[in-house]
């Protein structure tokens, strides 16, 4: 008797019971197969490391902003005294890169009596600098006009470092031929001095020499 003939001899209840047994057997086989499959391993968890929490875009931007504000930034303010033949003399703030002409304009511009030819309007400003805008005729009043002979400053007169020749500069205390030539070379390369303090940029003139020259020179 084959399988079909045997099934035909079973009652309906027996067939249902047999079907339940077969389904249960198949379910058990499927469960066993599923459990026997290899499981994936979480590398981060097994290594004992905790993944870093995700940071939202807004929080990242805030952190970057705080870091940027915490970093030191160099000072960007120059304090300059503008005086002389200007309309509104005073102490003003400037940005690095500003020029002498900017200082004159900030002080309301030069007066009609000013002589701007004695200033190097293109010279860059320096922190703590004084810009003295001279009046017309101020140079000739402090330094005698040059003739065919050697020009020297008169007794008690200030020597204008923008117009004096080498011989006149040598009449200053502490200035010899080498230093006088250096002053003229600097003036030729950079233009007229914007202030007496600018002598500090001349090779050979240190703080002590500059202090000695303050009472002897003008621009």
N, C-alpha and C. Protein backbone atom coordinates (compact mmCIF):
# COMPACT_ATOMS: atom_id res chain seq x y z
N UNK A 1 0.87 -1.20 0.00
CA UNK A 1 0.00 0.00 0.00
C UNK A 1 0.90 1.24 0.00
N UNK A 2 0.62 2.14 -0.95
CA UNK A 2 1.45 3.34 -1.01
C UNK A 2 0.91 4.41 -0.06
N UNK A 3 1.63 5.62 -0.04
CA UNK A 3 1.28 6.69 0.90
C UNK A 3 -0.11 7.25 0.64
N UNK A 4 -0.48 7.36 -0.63
CA UNK A 4 -1.80 7.93 -0.97
C UNK A 4 -2.93 7.02 -0.47
N UNK A 5 -2.74 5.70 -0.65
CA UNK A 5 -3.77 4.78 -0.21
C UNK A 5 -3.90 4.79 1.31
N UNK A 6 -2.79 4.94 1.99
CA UNK A 6 -2.84 5.02 3.46
C UNK A 6 -3.56 6.28 3.91
N UNK A 7 -3.30 7.41 3.23
CA UNK A 7 -3.98 8.66 3.60
C UNK A 7 -5.47 8.55 3.36
N UNK A 8 -5.88 7.79 2.34
CA UNK A 8 -7.30 7.66 2.04
C UNK A 8 -8.03 6.88 3.13
N UNK A 9 -7.31 6.01 3.82
CA UNK A 9 -7.93 5.21 4.86
C UNK A 9 -8.14 5.98 6.16
N UNK A 10 -7.46 7.19 6.28
CA UNK A 10 -7.55 7.98 7.52
C UNK A 10 -8.82 8.80 7.51
N UNK A 11 -9.35 9.01 8.68
CA UNK A 11 -10.53 9.86 8.81
C UNK A 11 -10.11 11.32 8.72
N UNK A 12 -11.15 12.16 8.66
CA UNK A 12 -10.85 13.59 8.56
C UNK A 12 -10.13 14.11 9.80
N UNK A 13 -10.50 13.68 10.96
CA UNK A 13 -9.85 14.11 12.21
C UNK A 13 -8.40 13.68 12.25
N UNK A 14 -8.17 12.44 11.76
CA UNK A 14 -6.78 11.97 11.75
C UNK A 14 -5.92 12.76 10.78
N UNK A 15 -6.54 13.16 9.65
CA UNK A 15 -5.79 13.97 8.68
C UNK A 15 -5.41 15.33 9.28
N UNK A 16 -6.37 15.93 10.00
CA UNK A 16 -6.08 17.24 10.63
C UNK A 16 -4.97 17.09 11.65
N UNK A 17 -5.04 16.04 12.44
CA UNK A 17 -3.99 15.83 13.44
C UNK A 17 -2.63 15.62 12.80
N UNK A 18 -2.64 14.87 11.69
CA UNK A 18 -1.38 14.63 10.98
C UNK A 18 -0.81 15.92 10.42
N UNK A 19 -1.72 16.78 9.91
CA UNK A 19 -1.27 18.08 9.36
C UNK A 19 -0.65 18.95 10.44
N UNK A 20 -1.27 18.93 11.62
CA UNK A 20 -0.72 19.73 12.74
C UNK A 20 0.66 19.24 13.13
N UNK A 21 0.81 17.89 13.15
CA UNK A 21 2.12 17.33 13.51
C UNK A 21 3.18 17.72 12.50
N UNK A 22 2.80 17.68 11.20
CA UNK A 22 3.77 18.04 10.15
C UNK A 22 4.17 19.50 10.26
N UNK A 23 3.16 20.40 10.49
CA UNK A 23 3.46 21.84 10.62
C UNK A 23 4.36 22.12 11.82
N UNK A 24 4.07 21.42 12.92
CA UNK A 24 4.89 21.63 14.11
C UNK A 24 6.33 21.17 13.86
N UNK A 25 6.44 20.04 13.13
CA UNK A 25 7.78 19.54 12.82
C UNK A 25 8.55 20.51 11.94
N UNK A 26 7.83 21.09 10.93
CA UNK A 26 8.49 22.07 10.05
C UNK A 26 8.89 23.33 10.80
N UNK A 27 8.01 23.78 11.72
CA UNK A 27 8.32 24.98 12.52
C UNK A 27 9.55 24.74 13.40
N UNK A 28 9.64 23.55 13.97
CA UNK A 28 10.80 23.25 14.81
C UNK A 28 12.09 23.23 14.01
N UNK A 29 11.98 22.63 12.81
CA UNK A 29 13.17 22.60 11.95
C UNK A 29 13.60 24.01 11.57
N UNK A 30 12.62 24.89 11.23
CA UNK A 30 12.95 26.27 10.86
C UNK A 30 13.57 27.03 12.01
N UNK A 31 13.04 26.84 13.25
CA UNK A 31 13.60 27.53 14.42
C UNK A 31 15.01 27.08 14.69
N UNK A 32 15.24 25.76 14.57
CA UNK A 32 16.60 25.25 14.79
C UNK A 32 17.57 25.80 13.77
N UNK A 33 17.12 25.92 12.52
CA UNK A 33 18.00 26.44 11.46
C UNK A 33 18.34 27.91 11.70
N UNK A 34 17.33 28.64 12.13
CA UNK A 34 17.57 30.07 12.37
C UNK A 34 18.57 30.29 13.49
N UNK A 35 18.46 29.53 14.56
CA UNK A 35 19.38 29.70 15.70
C UNK A 35 20.79 29.23 15.37
N UNK A 36 20.87 28.34 14.40
CA UNK A 36 22.20 27.82 14.06
C UNK A 36 22.99 28.77 13.18
N UNK A 37 22.34 29.80 12.62
CA UNK A 37 23.05 30.75 11.76
C UNK A 37 24.00 31.61 12.59
N UNK A 38 25.18 32.03 12.03
CA UNK A 38 26.13 32.89 12.78
C UNK A 38 25.55 34.28 13.00
N UNK A 39 25.79 34.84 14.19
CA UNK A 39 25.30 36.16 14.53
C UNK A 39 26.36 37.23 14.24
N UNK A 40 25.94 38.42 13.74
CA UNK A 40 26.91 39.52 13.52
C UNK A 40 27.44 40.04 14.84
N UNK A 41 28.70 40.45 14.85
CA UNK A 41 29.35 40.94 16.08
C UNK A 41 29.48 42.46 15.99
N UNK A 42 29.04 43.15 17.02
CA UNK A 42 29.19 44.61 17.11
C UNK A 42 30.60 44.93 17.59
N UNK A 43 31.46 45.35 16.65
CA UNK A 43 32.87 45.56 16.97
C UNK A 43 33.04 46.63 18.02
N UNK A 44 32.31 47.73 17.88
CA UNK A 44 32.47 48.84 18.83
C UNK A 44 32.09 48.40 20.24
N UNK A 45 31.01 47.57 20.36
CA UNK A 45 30.56 47.14 21.68
C UNK A 45 31.50 46.12 22.27
N UNK A 46 31.95 45.18 21.42
CA UNK A 46 32.84 44.13 21.93
C UNK A 46 34.18 44.69 22.32
N UNK A 47 34.61 45.78 21.70
CA UNK A 47 35.91 46.37 22.04
C UNK A 47 35.84 47.23 23.28
N UNK A 48 34.64 47.44 23.80
CA UNK A 48 34.50 48.21 25.03
C UNK A 48 34.50 49.71 24.80
N UNK A 49 34.29 50.14 23.56
CA UNK A 49 34.29 51.57 23.27
C UNK A 49 32.86 52.04 23.10
N UNK A 50 32.62 53.26 23.49
CA UNK A 50 31.29 53.83 23.36
C UNK A 50 31.29 54.81 22.22
N UNK A 51 30.45 54.61 21.20
CA UNK A 51 30.45 55.54 20.07
C UNK A 51 30.09 56.95 20.52
N UNK A 52 30.76 57.92 19.92
CA UNK A 52 30.51 59.31 20.28
C UNK A 52 29.14 59.72 19.80
N UNK A 53 28.42 60.51 20.60
CA UNK A 53 27.09 60.94 20.17
C UNK A 53 27.20 61.88 18.99
N UNK A 54 26.22 61.82 18.12
CA UNK A 54 26.20 62.70 16.94
C UNK A 54 25.95 64.12 17.39
N UNK A 55 26.63 65.05 16.75
CA UNK A 55 26.49 66.47 17.08
C UNK A 55 25.70 67.13 15.98
N UNK A 56 24.68 67.85 16.37
CA UNK A 56 23.83 68.51 15.37
C UNK A 56 24.59 69.64 14.72
N UNK A 57 24.09 70.09 13.57
CA UNK A 57 24.76 71.17 12.84
C UNK A 57 24.78 72.46 13.63
N UNK A 58 23.68 72.78 14.36
CA UNK A 58 23.62 74.02 15.14
C UNK A 58 24.65 74.01 16.26
N UNK A 59 24.77 72.84 16.94
CA UNK A 59 25.73 72.74 18.03
C UNK A 59 27.16 72.85 17.51
N UNK A 60 27.44 72.26 16.35
CA UNK A 60 28.78 72.37 15.76
C UNK A 60 29.11 73.82 15.45
N UNK A 61 28.15 74.54 14.91
CA UNK A 61 28.38 75.94 14.59
C UNK A 61 28.63 76.75 15.85
N UNK A 62 27.89 76.43 16.93
CA UNK A 62 28.08 77.16 18.19
C UNK A 62 29.46 76.91 18.76
N UNK A 63 29.90 75.63 18.72
CA UNK A 63 31.24 75.30 19.23
C UNK A 63 32.31 76.03 18.43
N UNK A 64 32.15 76.05 17.09
CA UNK A 64 33.13 76.74 16.24
C UNK A 64 33.16 78.22 16.53
N UNK A 65 31.99 78.81 16.80
CA UNK A 65 31.91 80.24 17.09
C UNK A 65 32.60 80.57 18.40
N UNK A 66 32.38 79.72 19.42
CA UNK A 66 33.03 79.94 20.72
C UNK A 66 34.54 79.81 20.59
N UNK A 67 35.01 78.81 19.82
CA UNK A 67 36.45 78.62 19.65
C UNK A 67 37.07 79.80 18.94
N UNK A 68 36.36 80.34 17.95
CA UNK A 68 36.89 81.48 17.20
C UNK A 68 36.98 82.72 18.08
N UNK A 69 35.94 82.94 18.93
CA UNK A 69 35.95 84.12 19.79
C UNK A 69 36.97 83.99 20.90
N UNK A 70 37.30 82.75 21.28
CA UNK A 70 38.27 82.56 22.36
C UNK A 70 39.70 82.75 21.89
N UNK A 71 39.94 82.62 20.60
CA UNK A 71 41.30 82.77 20.10
C UNK A 71 41.72 84.23 20.15
N UNK A 72 42.97 84.53 20.57
CA UNK A 72 43.41 85.91 20.69
C UNK A 72 43.56 86.57 19.33
N UNK A 73 43.22 87.84 19.27
CA UNK A 73 43.37 88.60 18.03
C UNK A 73 44.23 89.82 18.29
N UNK A 74 45.13 90.12 17.36
CA UNK A 74 46.02 91.25 17.56
C UNK A 74 45.26 92.56 17.57
N UNK A 75 45.82 93.57 18.30
CA UNK A 75 45.20 94.89 18.37
C UNK A 75 45.23 95.53 16.99
N UNK A 76 44.11 96.19 16.65
CA UNK A 76 44.00 96.80 15.34
C UNK A 76 43.68 98.28 15.46
N UNK A 77 44.25 98.95 16.47
CA UNK A 77 43.99 100.37 16.69
C UNK A 77 45.31 101.10 16.85
N UNK A 78 45.46 102.20 16.12
CA UNK A 78 46.62 103.07 16.24
C UNK A 78 46.15 104.40 16.84
N UNK A 79 46.82 104.85 17.88
CA UNK A 79 46.50 106.13 18.53
C UNK A 79 47.51 107.17 18.05
N UNK A 80 47.02 108.22 17.37
CA UNK A 80 47.90 109.22 16.76
C UNK A 80 47.45 110.62 17.16
N UNK A 81 48.42 111.46 17.49
CA UNK A 81 48.17 112.87 17.84
C UNK A 81 48.37 113.73 16.60
N UNK A 82 47.32 114.41 16.18
CA UNK A 82 47.39 115.28 15.00
C UNK A 82 47.28 116.72 15.48
N UNK A 83 48.30 117.52 15.21
CA UNK A 83 48.34 118.89 15.71
C UNK A 83 48.95 119.81 14.65
N UNK A 84 49.06 121.08 15.00
CA UNK A 84 49.63 122.05 14.04
C UNK A 84 48.54 122.76 13.26
N UNK A 85 48.81 123.02 11.99
CA UNK A 85 47.92 123.80 11.14
C UNK A 85 46.80 122.95 10.55
N UNK A 86 45.97 122.38 11.45
CA UNK A 86 44.79 121.63 11.05
C UNK A 86 43.56 122.26 11.70
N UNK A 87 42.38 121.96 11.19
CA UNK A 87 41.17 122.61 11.69
C UNK A 87 40.72 122.07 13.04
N UNK A 88 40.94 120.79 13.30
CA UNK A 88 40.50 120.20 14.56
C UNK A 88 41.59 119.29 15.10
N UNK A 89 42.57 119.87 15.75
CA UNK A 89 43.67 119.08 16.31
C UNK A 89 43.15 118.19 17.43
N UNK A 90 43.80 117.03 17.58
CA UNK A 90 43.40 116.12 18.64
C UNK A 90 44.04 114.76 18.49
N UNK A 91 43.65 113.85 19.37
CA UNK A 91 44.16 112.48 19.35
C UNK A 91 43.07 111.59 18.75
N UNK A 92 43.43 110.82 17.74
CA UNK A 92 42.45 110.03 17.00
C UNK A 92 42.89 108.57 16.91
N UNK A 93 41.91 107.70 16.64
CA UNK A 93 42.18 106.28 16.43
C UNK A 93 42.20 105.98 14.93
N UNK A 94 43.16 105.16 14.53
CA UNK A 94 43.29 104.78 13.12
C UNK A 94 43.51 103.27 13.03
N UNK A 95 43.33 102.75 11.84
CA UNK A 95 43.56 101.33 11.59
C UNK A 95 44.93 101.14 10.95
N UNK A 96 45.57 99.98 11.16
CA UNK A 96 46.84 99.71 10.48
C UNK A 96 46.70 99.87 8.98
N UNK A 97 47.67 100.53 8.36
CA UNK A 97 47.61 100.77 6.92
C UNK A 97 47.17 102.19 6.58
N UNK A 98 46.61 102.93 7.57
CA UNK A 98 46.25 104.31 7.31
C UNK A 98 47.50 105.15 7.13
N UNK A 99 47.36 106.27 6.40
CA UNK A 99 48.50 107.12 6.05
C UNK A 99 48.39 108.49 6.70
N UNK A 100 49.46 109.27 6.56
CA UNK A 100 49.48 110.61 7.13
C UNK A 100 48.35 111.46 6.58
N UNK A 101 48.04 111.29 5.29
CA UNK A 101 46.96 112.06 4.69
C UNK A 101 45.62 111.73 5.36
N UNK A 102 45.45 110.49 5.81
CA UNK A 102 44.23 110.12 6.52
C UNK A 102 44.15 110.85 7.86
N UNK A 103 45.30 111.01 8.52
CA UNK A 103 45.32 111.71 9.80
C UNK A 103 44.96 113.19 9.61
N UNK A 104 45.49 113.80 8.56
CA UNK A 104 45.19 115.21 8.30
C UNK A 104 43.69 115.39 8.01
N UNK A 105 43.12 114.50 7.23
CA UNK A 105 41.70 114.59 6.91
C UNK A 105 40.84 114.34 8.14
N UNK A 106 41.26 113.42 9.03
CA UNK A 106 40.49 113.15 10.24
C UNK A 106 40.46 114.38 11.15
N UNK A 107 41.51 115.17 11.11
CA UNK A 107 41.57 116.39 11.92
C UNK A 107 40.88 117.56 11.25
N UNK A 108 40.03 117.31 10.28
CA UNK A 108 39.27 118.36 9.63
C UNK A 108 39.93 118.95 8.41
N UNK A 109 41.12 118.43 8.07
CA UNK A 109 41.85 118.96 6.93
C UNK A 109 42.82 120.05 7.34
N UNK A 110 43.71 120.38 6.42
CA UNK A 110 44.72 121.39 6.70
C UNK A 110 44.13 122.80 6.58
N UNK A 111 44.66 123.73 7.38
CA UNK A 111 44.26 125.13 7.27
C UNK A 111 44.91 125.76 6.04
N UNK A 112 44.40 126.93 5.66
CA UNK A 112 44.95 127.62 4.49
C UNK A 112 46.40 128.02 4.70
N UNK A 113 46.79 128.16 5.96
CA UNK A 113 48.16 128.58 6.26
C UNK A 113 49.13 127.39 6.32
N UNK A 114 48.62 126.17 6.14
CA UNK A 114 49.47 124.98 6.27
C UNK A 114 50.35 124.80 5.04
N UNK A 115 51.51 124.18 5.26
CA UNK A 115 52.42 123.83 4.17
C UNK A 115 52.58 122.32 4.17
N UNK A 116 51.76 121.65 3.36
CA UNK A 116 51.78 120.19 3.33
C UNK A 116 52.96 119.61 2.55
N UNK A 117 53.70 120.48 1.87
CA UNK A 117 54.86 119.98 1.10
C UNK A 117 55.96 119.47 2.02
N UNK A 118 55.92 119.85 3.29
CA UNK A 118 56.94 119.40 4.23
C UNK A 118 56.57 118.07 4.88
N UNK A 119 55.38 117.55 4.56
CA UNK A 119 54.95 116.27 5.11
C UNK A 119 54.96 115.20 4.03
N UNK A 120 55.29 114.00 4.43
CA UNK A 120 55.14 112.84 3.54
C UNK A 120 53.75 112.27 3.77
N UNK A 121 52.79 112.73 2.96
CA UNK A 121 51.39 112.35 3.16
C UNK A 121 51.15 110.86 2.92
N UNK A 122 52.08 110.20 2.25
CA UNK A 122 51.91 108.77 1.97
C UNK A 122 52.54 107.88 3.03
N UNK A 123 53.20 108.47 4.03
CA UNK A 123 53.86 107.66 5.06
C UNK A 123 52.83 106.95 5.93
N UNK A 124 53.08 105.67 6.29
CA UNK A 124 52.13 104.94 7.15
C UNK A 124 52.16 105.47 8.57
N UNK A 125 51.02 105.42 9.24
CA UNK A 125 50.92 105.87 10.61
C UNK A 125 51.46 104.81 11.57
N UNK A 126 51.95 105.26 12.72
CA UNK A 126 52.46 104.37 13.75
C UNK A 126 51.78 104.69 15.06
N UNK A 127 51.59 103.69 15.90
CA UNK A 127 50.95 103.90 17.19
C UNK A 127 51.79 104.83 18.06
N UNK A 128 51.13 105.83 18.65
CA UNK A 128 51.83 106.79 19.49
C UNK A 128 52.52 107.92 18.73
N UNK A 129 52.31 107.99 17.44
CA UNK A 129 52.97 109.00 16.61
C UNK A 129 52.29 110.35 16.74
N UNK A 130 53.06 111.42 16.55
CA UNK A 130 52.51 112.77 16.48
C UNK A 130 52.71 113.33 15.08
N UNK A 131 51.62 113.80 14.47
CA UNK A 131 51.68 114.42 13.15
C UNK A 131 51.55 115.93 13.36
N UNK A 132 52.63 116.66 13.11
CA UNK A 132 52.64 118.12 13.25
C UNK A 132 52.58 118.74 11.86
N UNK A 133 51.44 119.33 11.53
CA UNK A 133 51.28 119.97 10.22
C UNK A 133 51.86 121.39 10.32
N UNK A 134 52.95 121.69 9.60
CA UNK A 134 53.62 123.00 9.74
C UNK A 134 52.87 124.11 9.01
N UNK A 135 53.10 125.32 9.46
CA UNK A 135 52.55 126.49 8.78
C UNK A 135 53.49 126.92 7.65
N UNK A 136 52.97 127.69 6.75
CA UNK A 136 53.79 128.21 5.65
C UNK A 136 54.87 129.13 6.22
N UNK A 137 56.09 128.94 5.75
CA UNK A 137 57.20 129.74 6.23
C UNK A 137 57.86 129.21 7.47
N UNK A 138 57.31 128.13 8.06
CA UNK A 138 57.90 127.60 9.28
C UNK A 138 59.29 127.07 9.03
N UNK A 139 59.53 126.46 7.87
CA UNK A 139 60.85 125.90 7.58
C UNK A 139 61.89 126.99 7.44
N UNK A 140 61.56 128.05 6.71
CA UNK A 140 62.53 129.12 6.50
C UNK A 140 62.80 129.89 7.78
N UNK A 141 61.84 129.85 8.73
CA UNK A 141 62.03 130.55 9.99
C UNK A 141 62.98 129.80 10.91
N UNK A 142 63.05 128.50 10.78
CA UNK A 142 63.88 127.70 11.67
C UNK A 142 65.21 127.32 11.04
N UNK A 143 65.28 127.28 9.71
CA UNK A 143 66.52 126.93 9.03
C UNK A 143 66.86 128.01 8.01
N UNK A 144 67.98 128.68 8.12
CA UNK A 144 68.36 129.72 7.15
C UNK A 144 68.43 129.14 5.75
N UNK A 145 68.08 129.95 4.77
CA UNK A 145 68.12 129.51 3.38
C UNK A 145 69.55 129.21 2.98
N UNK A 146 69.71 128.18 2.15
CA UNK A 146 71.04 127.76 1.73
C UNK A 146 71.59 128.72 0.69
N UNK A 147 72.90 129.00 0.78
CA UNK A 147 73.60 129.82 -0.19
C UNK A 147 74.69 128.99 -0.79
N UNK A 148 75.62 129.63 -1.47
CA UNK A 148 76.72 128.90 -2.07
C UNK A 148 77.65 128.32 -1.04
N UNK A 149 77.65 128.90 0.17
CA UNK A 149 78.53 128.40 1.22
C UNK A 149 77.76 127.42 2.09
N UNK A 150 78.47 126.83 3.06
CA UNK A 150 77.85 125.87 3.96
C UNK A 150 76.80 126.55 4.81
N UNK A 151 75.63 125.92 4.93
CA UNK A 151 74.53 126.48 5.70
C UNK A 151 74.53 125.87 7.09
N UNK A 152 74.46 126.68 8.09
CA UNK A 152 74.41 126.21 9.47
C UNK A 152 73.24 126.86 10.17
N UNK A 153 72.73 126.19 11.18
CA UNK A 153 71.63 126.75 11.95
C UNK A 153 72.12 127.86 12.84
N UNK A 154 71.30 128.89 13.00
CA UNK A 154 71.68 129.99 13.88
C UNK A 154 71.57 129.56 15.31
N UNK A 155 72.19 130.29 16.21
CA UNK A 155 72.23 129.91 17.62
C UNK A 155 70.81 129.86 18.18
N UNK A 156 70.44 128.76 18.79
CA UNK A 156 69.13 128.61 19.40
C UNK A 156 68.04 128.22 18.42
N UNK A 157 68.31 128.23 17.11
CA UNK A 157 67.28 127.89 16.13
C UNK A 157 67.21 126.37 15.97
N UNK A 158 65.98 125.88 15.69
CA UNK A 158 65.80 124.45 15.45
C UNK A 158 66.14 124.13 14.00
N UNK A 159 66.76 122.97 13.80
CA UNK A 159 67.14 122.53 12.46
C UNK A 159 66.02 121.68 11.89
N UNK A 160 65.57 122.04 10.70
CA UNK A 160 64.51 121.28 10.03
C UNK A 160 65.14 120.05 9.36
N UNK A 161 64.79 118.88 9.86
CA UNK A 161 65.41 117.66 9.35
C UNK A 161 64.91 117.30 7.95
N UNK A 162 63.88 118.00 7.46
CA UNK A 162 63.37 117.73 6.12
C UNK A 162 64.06 118.57 5.05
N UNK A 163 64.71 119.66 5.45
CA UNK A 163 65.34 120.55 4.46
C UNK A 163 66.83 120.78 4.69
N UNK A 164 67.32 120.46 5.88
CA UNK A 164 68.73 120.73 6.18
C UNK A 164 69.65 119.84 5.35
N UNK A 165 70.79 120.43 4.92
CA UNK A 165 71.77 119.64 4.19
C UNK A 165 72.68 118.93 5.19
N UNK A 166 73.63 118.19 4.66
CA UNK A 166 74.49 117.36 5.52
C UNK A 166 75.30 118.20 6.48
N UNK A 167 75.82 119.35 6.01
CA UNK A 167 76.64 120.20 6.86
C UNK A 167 75.82 120.76 8.02
N UNK A 168 74.56 121.13 7.73
CA UNK A 168 73.71 121.67 8.79
C UNK A 168 73.38 120.60 9.82
N UNK A 169 73.12 119.39 9.36
CA UNK A 169 72.82 118.30 10.29
C UNK A 169 74.00 117.99 11.19
N UNK A 170 75.21 118.19 10.68
CA UNK A 170 76.41 117.91 11.48
C UNK A 170 76.60 118.92 12.60
N UNK A 171 75.88 120.04 12.56
CA UNK A 171 75.98 121.02 13.65
C UNK A 171 75.19 120.56 14.88
N UNK A 172 74.37 119.54 14.73
CA UNK A 172 73.58 119.04 15.85
C UNK A 172 74.46 118.22 16.79
N UNK A 173 74.21 118.34 18.08
CA UNK A 173 74.96 117.56 19.06
C UNK A 173 74.66 116.07 18.87
N UNK A 174 75.70 115.26 18.77
CA UNK A 174 75.53 113.83 18.61
C UNK A 174 75.43 113.37 17.17
N UNK A 175 75.49 114.28 16.21
CA UNK A 175 75.40 113.93 14.80
C UNK A 175 76.72 114.22 14.11
N UNK A 176 77.30 113.15 13.53
CA UNK A 176 78.53 113.29 12.77
C UNK A 176 78.26 113.10 11.29
N UNK A 177 79.31 113.04 10.49
CA UNK A 177 79.13 112.89 9.04
C UNK A 177 78.35 111.63 8.65
N UNK A 178 78.64 110.51 9.33
CA UNK A 178 77.97 109.26 8.97
C UNK A 178 76.47 109.34 9.29
N UNK A 179 76.14 109.82 10.46
CA UNK A 179 74.73 109.90 10.87
C UNK A 179 73.98 110.93 10.03
N UNK A 180 74.64 112.04 9.70
CA UNK A 180 74.01 113.05 8.86
C UNK A 180 73.70 112.48 7.48
N UNK A 181 74.62 111.69 6.94
CA UNK A 181 74.39 111.06 5.64
C UNK A 181 73.26 110.05 5.71
N UNK A 182 73.14 109.34 6.85
CA UNK A 182 72.06 108.36 7.02
C UNK A 182 70.70 109.05 7.06
N UNK A 183 70.63 110.21 7.71
CA UNK A 183 69.37 110.96 7.79
C UNK A 183 68.93 111.40 6.40
N UNK A 184 69.89 111.93 5.62
CA UNK A 184 69.56 112.38 4.26
C UNK A 184 69.18 111.20 3.37
N UNK A 185 69.86 110.07 3.54
CA UNK A 185 69.55 108.88 2.73
C UNK A 185 68.14 108.37 3.05
N UNK A 186 67.78 108.37 4.33
CA UNK A 186 66.44 107.93 4.71
C UNK A 186 65.39 108.88 4.14
N UNK A 187 65.67 110.19 4.24
CA UNK A 187 64.73 111.19 3.74
C UNK A 187 64.56 111.07 2.23
N UNK A 188 65.62 110.76 1.53
CA UNK A 188 65.56 110.62 0.08
C UNK A 188 64.75 109.39 -0.33
N UNK A 189 64.90 108.31 0.42
CA UNK A 189 64.21 107.06 0.09
C UNK A 189 62.74 107.06 0.49
N UNK A 190 62.44 107.62 1.66
CA UNK A 190 61.09 107.52 2.21
C UNK A 190 60.30 108.82 2.13
N UNK A 191 60.91 109.90 1.70
CA UNK A 191 60.22 111.18 1.67
C UNK A 191 60.44 111.94 2.96
N UNK A 192 59.89 113.15 3.07
CA UNK A 192 60.08 113.97 4.28
C UNK A 192 59.60 113.26 5.54
N UNK A 193 60.21 113.58 6.66
CA UNK A 193 59.81 113.01 7.93
C UNK A 193 58.43 113.53 8.31
N UNK A 194 57.58 112.64 8.79
CA UNK A 194 56.24 113.05 9.23
C UNK A 194 56.26 113.58 10.66
N UNK A 195 57.26 113.19 11.43
CA UNK A 195 57.41 113.67 12.79
C UNK A 195 58.86 113.46 13.22
N UNK A 196 59.24 114.14 14.30
CA UNK A 196 60.59 113.97 14.84
C UNK A 196 60.81 112.54 15.31
N UNK A 197 59.74 111.90 15.83
CA UNK A 197 59.86 110.53 16.32
C UNK A 197 60.31 109.57 15.22
N UNK A 198 60.07 109.92 13.96
CA UNK A 198 60.42 109.04 12.85
C UNK A 198 61.93 108.91 12.69
N UNK A 199 62.71 109.79 13.33
CA UNK A 199 64.17 109.66 13.30
C UNK A 199 64.61 108.33 13.90
N UNK A 200 63.77 107.75 14.74
CA UNK A 200 64.11 106.47 15.36
C UNK A 200 64.29 105.37 14.32
N UNK A 201 63.73 105.57 13.10
CA UNK A 201 63.84 104.57 12.05
C UNK A 201 65.15 104.70 11.26
N UNK A 202 65.90 105.77 11.50
CA UNK A 202 67.16 105.97 10.79
C UNK A 202 68.24 105.10 11.43
N UNK A 203 68.99 104.42 10.60
CA UNK A 203 70.07 103.56 11.09
C UNK A 203 71.09 104.39 11.86
N UNK A 204 71.39 103.97 13.09
CA UNK A 204 72.37 104.66 13.90
C UNK A 204 71.76 105.56 14.96
N UNK A 205 70.43 105.79 14.89
CA UNK A 205 69.77 106.63 15.89
C UNK A 205 68.97 105.74 16.83
N UNK A 206 69.39 105.71 18.07
CA UNK A 206 68.70 104.94 19.09
C UNK A 206 67.88 105.85 19.98
N UNK A 207 67.24 105.28 21.01
CA UNK A 207 66.40 106.07 21.92
C UNK A 207 67.15 107.24 22.57
N UNK A 208 68.40 106.99 23.00
CA UNK A 208 69.15 108.05 23.68
C UNK A 208 69.47 109.20 22.72
N UNK A 209 69.91 108.87 21.50
CA UNK A 209 70.22 109.91 20.51
C UNK A 209 68.97 110.68 20.13
N UNK A 210 67.85 109.98 20.00
CA UNK A 210 66.59 110.64 19.65
C UNK A 210 66.19 111.65 20.70
N UNK A 211 66.35 111.30 21.96
CA UNK A 211 65.99 112.22 23.03
C UNK A 211 66.89 113.46 23.01
N UNK A 212 68.16 113.27 22.67
CA UNK A 212 69.06 114.42 22.58
C UNK A 212 68.69 115.35 21.42
N UNK A 213 68.14 114.76 20.36
CA UNK A 213 67.82 115.55 19.16
C UNK A 213 66.49 116.27 19.26
N UNK A 214 65.60 115.82 20.15
CA UNK A 214 64.25 116.40 20.19
C UNK A 214 64.27 117.91 20.39
N UNK A 215 65.19 118.39 21.24
CA UNK A 215 65.23 119.82 21.54
C UNK A 215 66.02 120.61 20.50
N UNK A 216 66.56 119.94 19.48
CA UNK A 216 67.41 120.62 18.50
C UNK A 216 66.78 120.66 17.10
N UNK A 217 65.76 119.81 16.85
CA UNK A 217 65.26 119.68 15.47
C UNK A 217 63.76 119.90 15.42
N UNK A 218 63.28 120.07 14.20
CA UNK A 218 61.85 120.20 13.93
C UNK A 218 61.60 119.68 12.52
N UNK A 219 60.30 119.67 12.11
CA UNK A 219 59.98 119.26 10.75
C UNK A 219 59.17 120.36 10.06
